[in-house]
């Protein structure tokens, strides 16, 4: 019987594809949304692999120049200064640009995280059920019903989104509820987007820590507008909804779709360009950045010596770890084990 991922593993071992392409193939098998499919197909067809091959060629040329200077340094017409700094600066900028889109690429692969926060009975569970179109969370007039995180996977505009309901934010003497509040605050800090729910007519609570996190965007949502007898108009920067009657729900969903589309446009190439789509690839590219910066820290012209040659070879090894040319055995089982039998 064929083992899980055996065909893809044989293709990798025989040099028909590298590790990034194999991971793209595995992601393509597991893709559930259009954005995931497009990103995985691009990776499987070698978007990242081709970029890494270009960088490797640049580094090999630099190593060759350094080795030539070392081998022929006793010749009168051969100096010991080499110009590898210029191409390495360009290479470093390219690596940093690719890494700048790593968070977006990983979120496309794993799903964007949207967290619902607010005081008890603000309508968080009702809104979660409305988006899920089924009874996922318990809805009760008794405050503090939700104690743990309740997550629902969704698809919006072709992107995977995980919507998370949390415990109501308040001071409590209950140890269990206090743990739920702590988890709610932690989930908000780690989220891509926080929806802070406040019943219509109530004042929002003092700013939570998530409001000050670097990449966490926060929207203020007024809920239960069907119970608002005054019929207020939403102030600037707020959205008003009723998850029970559906008022404002279509506009909120459209806003979420626009938010996802804007994030996609902010990344060069979107989901089809070369990208580090998982932590293993990102860590390898971060290591490559560190190695390049180590070389470029040398003052003035880079002098050809054994240390420079070793630094450049460290850059090559960093690329090799991403493509699977170096130290691949430790990750092969984890990657190819995700495939179906024989794939």
Protein backbone atom coordinates (compact mmCIF):
# COMPACT_ATOMS: atom_id res chain seq x y z
CA UNK A 1 0.00 0.00 0.00
CA UNK A 2 1.17 3.50 -0.79
CA UNK A 3 1.95 5.64 2.23
CA UNK A 4 0.50 9.10 2.84
CA UNK A 5 2.15 11.59 0.49
CA UNK A 6 4.40 8.93 -1.07
CA UNK A 7 4.11 10.18 -4.67
CA UNK A 8 4.84 13.80 -3.72
CA UNK A 9 7.69 12.68 -1.47
CA UNK A 10 9.25 10.68 -4.31
CA UNK A 11 8.93 13.72 -6.58
CA UNK A 12 10.74 15.81 -3.97
CA UNK A 13 13.50 13.25 -3.42
CA UNK A 14 14.02 12.98 -7.18
CA UNK A 15 14.28 16.75 -7.61
CA UNK A 16 11.01 17.22 -9.50
CA UNK A 17 9.77 19.75 -6.92
CA UNK A 18 11.22 21.43 -3.85
CA UNK A 19 9.79 21.66 -0.36
CA UNK A 20 7.91 24.93 -0.94
CA UNK A 21 6.19 23.44 -3.99
CA UNK A 22 5.32 20.30 -2.03
CA UNK A 23 3.83 22.43 0.74
CA UNK A 24 1.86 24.35 -1.89
CA UNK A 25 0.51 21.06 -3.24
CA UNK A 26 -0.54 19.98 0.26
CA UNK A 27 -2.24 23.34 0.80
CA UNK A 28 -4.02 22.98 -2.54
CA UNK A 29 -5.45 19.62 -1.45
CA UNK A 30 -6.64 21.20 1.82
CA UNK A 31 -7.90 24.51 0.34
CA UNK A 32 -11.47 25.43 1.25
CA UNK A 33 -11.77 28.96 -0.15
CA UNK A 34 -10.95 30.61 -3.47
CA UNK A 35 -8.15 32.71 -1.96
CA UNK A 36 -6.59 29.60 -0.39
CA UNK A 37 -6.83 27.75 -3.71
CA UNK A 38 -5.20 30.57 -5.68
CA UNK A 39 -2.39 31.01 -3.17
CA UNK A 40 -1.72 27.27 -2.91
CA UNK A 41 -1.75 26.83 -6.69
CA UNK A 42 0.74 29.68 -7.08
CA UNK A 43 3.04 28.09 -4.48
CA UNK A 44 2.69 24.62 -6.04
CA UNK A 45 3.66 26.07 -9.42
CA UNK A 46 6.85 27.49 -7.94
CA UNK A 47 6.19 31.19 -7.18
CA UNK A 48 8.36 31.15 -4.06
CA UNK A 49 10.71 28.50 -5.44
CA UNK A 50 11.61 30.64 -8.47
CA UNK A 51 12.29 33.68 -6.27
CA UNK A 52 14.54 31.62 -4.01
CA UNK A 53 16.38 30.24 -7.05
CA UNK A 54 17.12 33.82 -8.22
CA UNK A 55 18.45 34.74 -4.79
CA UNK A 56 20.53 31.59 -4.67
CA UNK A 57 22.08 32.41 -8.05
CA UNK A 58 23.05 35.87 -6.78
CA UNK A 59 24.65 34.40 -3.67
CA UNK A 60 26.50 31.73 -5.66
CA UNK A 61 27.98 34.45 -7.87
CA UNK A 62 29.12 36.34 -4.76
CA UNK A 63 30.68 33.20 -3.28
CA UNK A 64 32.43 32.47 -6.58
CA UNK A 65 33.88 35.99 -6.67
CA UNK A 66 35.13 35.73 -3.10
CA UNK A 67 36.67 32.29 -3.69
CA UNK A 68 38.37 33.52 -6.86
CA UNK A 69 39.91 36.44 -4.98
CA UNK A 70 41.17 34.07 -2.29
CA UNK A 71 42.56 31.53 -4.76
CA UNK A 72 44.40 34.12 -6.87
CA UNK A 73 45.26 36.71 -4.22
CA UNK A 74 48.99 36.19 -4.88
CA UNK A 75 48.62 37.38 -8.46
CA UNK A 76 49.83 40.94 -8.95
CA UNK A 77 46.84 42.09 -10.95
CA UNK A 78 44.25 40.64 -8.56
CA UNK A 79 43.18 42.68 -5.54
CA UNK A 80 41.54 41.51 -2.35
CA UNK A 81 38.53 43.83 -2.40
CA UNK A 82 35.28 42.45 -3.81
CA UNK A 83 32.00 44.24 -4.52
CA UNK A 84 29.41 41.90 -3.06
CA UNK A 85 27.80 44.57 -0.89
CA UNK A 86 25.80 46.14 -3.74
CA UNK A 87 23.97 42.97 -4.89
CA UNK A 88 23.51 41.86 -1.28
CA UNK A 89 21.80 45.15 -0.34
CA UNK A 90 19.37 44.67 -3.23
CA UNK A 91 18.82 41.07 -2.17
CA UNK A 92 18.17 42.08 1.45
CA UNK A 93 15.52 44.60 0.37
CA UNK A 94 13.78 41.93 -1.72
CA UNK A 95 13.75 39.48 1.17
CA UNK A 96 12.40 42.13 3.55
CA UNK A 97 9.66 43.05 1.07
CA UNK A 98 8.60 39.43 0.77
CA UNK A 99 8.58 39.05 4.55
CA UNK A 100 6.35 42.12 4.87
CA UNK A 101 3.54 40.11 3.25
CA UNK A 102 4.12 36.97 5.32
CA UNK A 103 1.41 37.76 7.89
CA UNK A 104 -1.20 38.26 5.17
CA UNK A 105 -0.14 35.06 3.38
CA UNK A 106 -0.34 33.04 6.59
CA UNK A 107 -3.77 34.46 7.35
CA UNK A 108 -5.01 33.54 3.86
CA UNK A 109 -3.81 30.00 4.51
CA UNK A 110 -5.07 29.68 8.10
CA UNK A 111 -7.94 32.18 8.16
CA UNK A 112 -8.30 35.77 9.39
CA UNK A 113 -9.37 36.06 13.02
CA UNK A 114 -12.26 38.37 13.94
CA UNK A 115 -13.08 38.56 17.66
CA UNK A 116 -16.32 39.79 19.23
CA UNK A 117 -15.86 41.60 22.55
CA UNK A 118 -18.06 43.69 24.78
CA UNK A 119 -19.93 43.66 28.09
CA UNK A 120 -22.29 40.82 29.04
CA UNK A 121 -25.55 40.73 27.08
CA UNK A 122 -24.19 43.00 24.35
CA UNK A 123 -25.40 40.57 21.66
CA UNK A 124 -22.11 38.82 20.86
CA UNK A 125 -23.52 35.29 20.82
CA UNK A 126 -26.57 36.41 18.84
CA UNK A 127 -24.33 38.02 16.23
CA UNK A 128 -22.17 34.89 16.06
CA UNK A 129 -25.26 32.74 15.44
CA UNK A 130 -26.49 35.19 12.79
CA UNK A 131 -23.21 34.93 10.86
CA UNK A 132 -23.07 31.14 11.28
CA UNK A 133 -26.78 30.86 10.33
CA UNK A 134 -27.22 28.24 13.02
CA UNK A 135 -27.34 27.97 16.81
CA UNK A 136 -23.67 27.76 17.75
CA UNK A 137 -23.55 29.71 21.00
CA UNK A 138 -26.09 29.75 23.84
CA UNK A 139 -28.14 32.96 23.93
CA UNK A 140 -29.64 33.87 27.31
CA UNK A 141 -30.77 36.97 29.19
CA UNK A 142 -28.62 35.79 32.09
CA UNK A 143 -25.28 37.66 31.95
CA UNK A 144 -22.07 35.65 31.82
CA UNK A 145 -23.49 32.73 29.79
CA UNK A 146 -20.44 32.51 27.54
CA UNK A 147 -17.38 31.47 29.55
CA UNK A 148 -15.01 30.11 26.89
CA UNK A 149 -14.09 31.06 23.33
CA UNK A 150 -16.59 29.87 20.70
CA UNK A 151 -15.11 29.85 17.18
CA UNK A 152 -16.96 29.54 13.88
CA UNK A 153 -15.19 29.22 10.50
CA UNK A 154 -16.71 31.37 7.74
CA UNK A 155 -15.97 32.36 4.16
CA UNK A 156 -16.24 36.01 3.16
CA UNK A 157 -15.37 37.20 -0.35
CA UNK A 158 -13.34 34.05 -0.94
CA UNK A 159 -11.28 34.41 2.25
CA UNK A 160 -11.34 32.10 5.26
CA UNK A 161 -12.40 33.89 8.44
CA UNK A 162 -12.66 32.57 12.00
CA UNK A 163 -15.26 34.48 14.02
CA UNK A 164 -14.78 34.13 17.79
CA UNK A 165 -17.36 34.82 20.51
CA UNK A 166 -15.92 35.67 23.93
CA UNK A 167 -16.98 36.09 27.54
CA UNK A 168 -18.47 39.44 28.51
CA UNK A 169 -15.85 41.88 29.78
CA UNK A 170 -16.56 42.76 33.39
CA UNK A 171 -15.18 42.40 36.91
CA UNK A 172 -16.42 39.17 38.53
CA UNK A 173 -15.89 37.07 41.64
CA UNK A 174 -16.36 33.84 39.69
CA UNK A 175 -13.01 32.17 39.00
CA UNK A 176 -14.37 30.45 35.89
CA UNK A 177 -15.85 33.63 34.42
CA UNK A 178 -12.67 35.57 35.28
CA UNK A 179 -10.67 33.02 33.29
CA UNK A 180 -13.10 33.50 30.40
CA UNK A 181 -12.56 37.27 30.54
CA UNK A 182 -8.79 36.77 30.54
CA UNK A 183 -9.05 34.53 27.46
CA UNK A 184 -11.31 37.08 25.77
CA UNK A 185 -8.74 39.85 26.24
CA UNK A 186 -5.93 37.61 25.00
CA UNK A 187 -7.95 36.61 21.91
CA UNK A 188 -8.61 40.30 21.17
CA UNK A 189 -4.90 41.11 21.38
CA UNK A 190 -4.08 38.32 18.89
CA UNK A 191 -6.94 39.11 16.47
CA UNK A 192 -6.75 40.70 13.04
CA UNK A 193 -9.98 42.62 13.69
CA UNK A 194 -11.94 43.28 16.89
CA UNK A 195 -15.67 44.03 16.80
CA UNK A 196 -16.53 45.81 20.05
CA UNK A 197 -20.26 45.43 20.66
CA UNK A 198 -22.26 47.93 22.71
CA UNK A 199 -26.06 47.89 23.12
CA UNK A 200 -27.63 50.88 21.37
CA UNK A 201 -27.77 53.88 23.67
CA UNK A 202 -25.06 52.60 26.06
CA UNK A 203 -21.68 54.22 26.39
CA UNK A 204 -18.70 52.11 25.32
CA UNK A 205 -16.48 50.78 28.10
CA UNK A 206 -13.03 52.32 28.68
CA UNK A 207 -10.51 51.37 26.01
CA UNK A 208 -9.25 47.79 26.32
CA UNK A 209 -5.59 46.87 25.65
CA UNK A 210 -6.46 45.45 22.24
CA UNK A 211 -7.32 48.97 21.06
CA UNK A 212 -3.64 49.86 21.26
CA UNK A 213 -2.14 46.80 19.57
CA UNK A 214 -0.14 47.60 16.44
CA UNK A 215 -1.99 45.61 13.76
CA UNK A 216 -5.31 45.04 15.52
CA UNK A 217 -8.09 47.15 14.07
CA UNK A 218 -11.16 47.78 16.22
CA UNK A 219 -14.71 48.61 15.08
CA UNK A 220 -17.43 49.86 17.43
CA UNK A 221 -20.77 48.16 16.74
CA UNK A 222 -24.08 49.29 18.27
CA UNK A 223 -26.36 46.27 18.71
CA UNK A 224 -30.04 45.67 19.50
CA UNK A 225 -31.17 48.69 17.48
CA UNK A 226 -34.59 47.03 17.20
CA UNK A 227 -35.02 47.85 20.93
CA UNK A 228 -33.84 51.44 20.53
CA UNK A 229 -37.02 53.49 20.73
CA UNK A 230 -35.24 56.78 20.05
CA UNK A 231 -34.15 55.73 16.55
CA UNK A 232 -30.68 57.23 16.75
CA UNK A 233 -28.39 57.67 13.79
CA UNK A 234 -25.03 55.96 14.08
CA UNK A 235 -22.26 58.42 15.02
CA UNK A 236 -19.23 58.61 12.77
CA UNK A 237 -17.09 55.51 13.07
CA UNK A 238 -19.89 53.29 14.40
CA UNK A 239 -22.11 50.69 12.81
CA UNK A 240 -25.63 49.87 14.00
CA UNK A 241 -27.13 46.40 13.70
CA UNK A 242 -29.85 44.11 14.95
CA UNK A 243 -28.89 40.47 14.66
CA UNK A 244 -32.50 39.53 15.46
CA UNK A 245 -34.23 41.52 12.71
CA UNK A 246 -31.25 41.61 10.34
CA UNK A 247 -31.09 45.41 10.16
CA UNK A 248 -27.55 46.50 9.33
CA UNK A 249 -26.28 42.93 8.97
CA UNK A 250 -25.85 43.15 5.20
CA UNK A 251 -23.93 46.41 5.56
CA UNK A 252 -21.70 44.90 8.27
CA UNK A 253 -20.93 41.88 6.11
CA UNK A 254 -20.13 44.17 3.16
CA UNK A 255 -17.78 46.19 5.40
CA UNK A 256 -15.99 43.00 6.42
CA UNK A 257 -15.63 41.99 2.77
CA UNK A 258 -14.22 45.41 1.91
CA UNK A 259 -11.78 45.14 4.84
CA UNK A 260 -10.52 41.79 3.53
CA UNK A 261 -10.21 43.16 -0.01
CA UNK A 262 -8.19 46.16 1.22
CA UNK A 263 -5.77 43.89 3.05
CA UNK A 264 -5.29 41.86 -0.12
CA UNK A 265 -4.58 44.98 -2.20
CA UNK A 266 -2.04 46.23 0.34
CA UNK A 267 0.25 43.26 -0.39
CA UNK A 268 2.23 43.32 -3.67
CA UNK A 269 0.99 40.52 -5.90
CA UNK A 270 -1.85 39.58 -3.55
CA UNK A 271 -2.38 35.84 -3.07
CA UNK A 272 -0.69 34.79 -6.31
CA UNK A 273 2.79 36.22 -5.73
CA UNK A 274 5.71 34.55 -3.98
CA UNK A 275 5.14 34.55 -0.22
CA UNK A 276 6.13 32.82 2.98
CA UNK A 277 2.85 31.07 3.72
CA UNK A 278 3.78 29.27 6.93
CA UNK A 279 6.00 29.64 9.99
CA UNK A 280 8.70 27.30 8.64
CA UNK A 281 9.19 29.37 5.49
CA UNK A 282 9.02 32.66 7.41
CA UNK A 283 11.62 31.49 9.93
CA UNK A 284 13.95 30.47 7.09
CA UNK A 285 13.66 33.87 5.43
CA UNK A 286 14.21 35.66 8.75
CA UNK A 287 17.40 33.62 9.13
CA UNK A 288 18.42 34.66 5.61
CA UNK A 289 17.86 38.33 6.54
CA UNK A 290 20.04 37.93 9.63
CA UNK A 291 22.83 36.36 7.59
CA UNK A 292 22.70 39.10 4.96
CA UNK A 293 22.76 41.81 7.60
CA UNK A 294 25.77 40.12 9.20
CA UNK A 295 27.68 40.37 5.91
CA UNK A 296 26.66 43.98 5.29
CA UNK A 297 27.77 45.12 8.74
CA UNK A 298 31.37 45.00 7.56
CA UNK A 299 32.68 48.54 7.25
CA UNK A 300 33.51 49.98 3.82
CA UNK A 301 34.45 47.60 1.03
CA UNK A 302 33.93 43.96 1.88
CA UNK A 303 37.29 42.25 2.07
CA UNK A 304 37.63 38.79 0.55
CA UNK A 305 38.50 36.35 3.33
CA UNK A 306 37.45 32.99 4.69
CA UNK A 307 34.98 34.57 7.11
CA UNK A 308 33.18 36.39 4.30
CA UNK A 309 32.96 33.18 2.31
CA UNK A 310 31.50 31.37 5.34
CA UNK A 311 28.94 34.16 5.91
CA UNK A 312 27.79 33.89 2.31
CA UNK A 313 27.55 30.12 2.58
CA UNK A 314 25.38 30.60 5.67
CA UNK A 315 23.02 32.65 3.46
CA UNK A 316 22.91 29.77 0.99
CA UNK A 317 22.17 27.31 3.79
CA UNK A 318 19.28 29.50 4.95
CA UNK A 319 17.75 29.29 1.46
CA UNK A 320 18.47 25.56 1.38
CA UNK A 321 16.49 25.01 4.56
CA UNK A 322 13.44 26.66 2.98
CA UNK A 323 13.66 24.68 -0.27
CA UNK A 324 14.57 21.42 1.47
CA UNK A 325 18.13 21.11 0.19
CA UNK A 326 19.46 21.31 3.75
CA UNK A 327 18.10 19.66 6.90
CA UNK A 328 14.95 18.43 5.18
CA UNK A 329 14.59 15.05 6.85
CA UNK A 330 13.26 16.47 10.11
CA UNK A 331 10.25 18.09 8.40
CA UNK A 332 9.49 15.62 5.62
CA UNK A 333 7.23 13.40 7.71
CA UNK A 334 5.21 16.34 9.02
CA UNK A 335 4.66 17.78 5.54
CA UNK A 336 3.97 14.69 3.47
CA UNK A 337 1.92 13.06 6.21
CA UNK A 338 -0.79 15.64 5.49
CA UNK A 339 -1.43 14.17 2.04
CA UNK A 340 -3.99 11.49 1.29
CA UNK A 341 -2.76 7.96 0.74
CA UNK A 342 -0.59 7.83 -2.36
CA UNK A 343 -0.96 11.49 -3.36
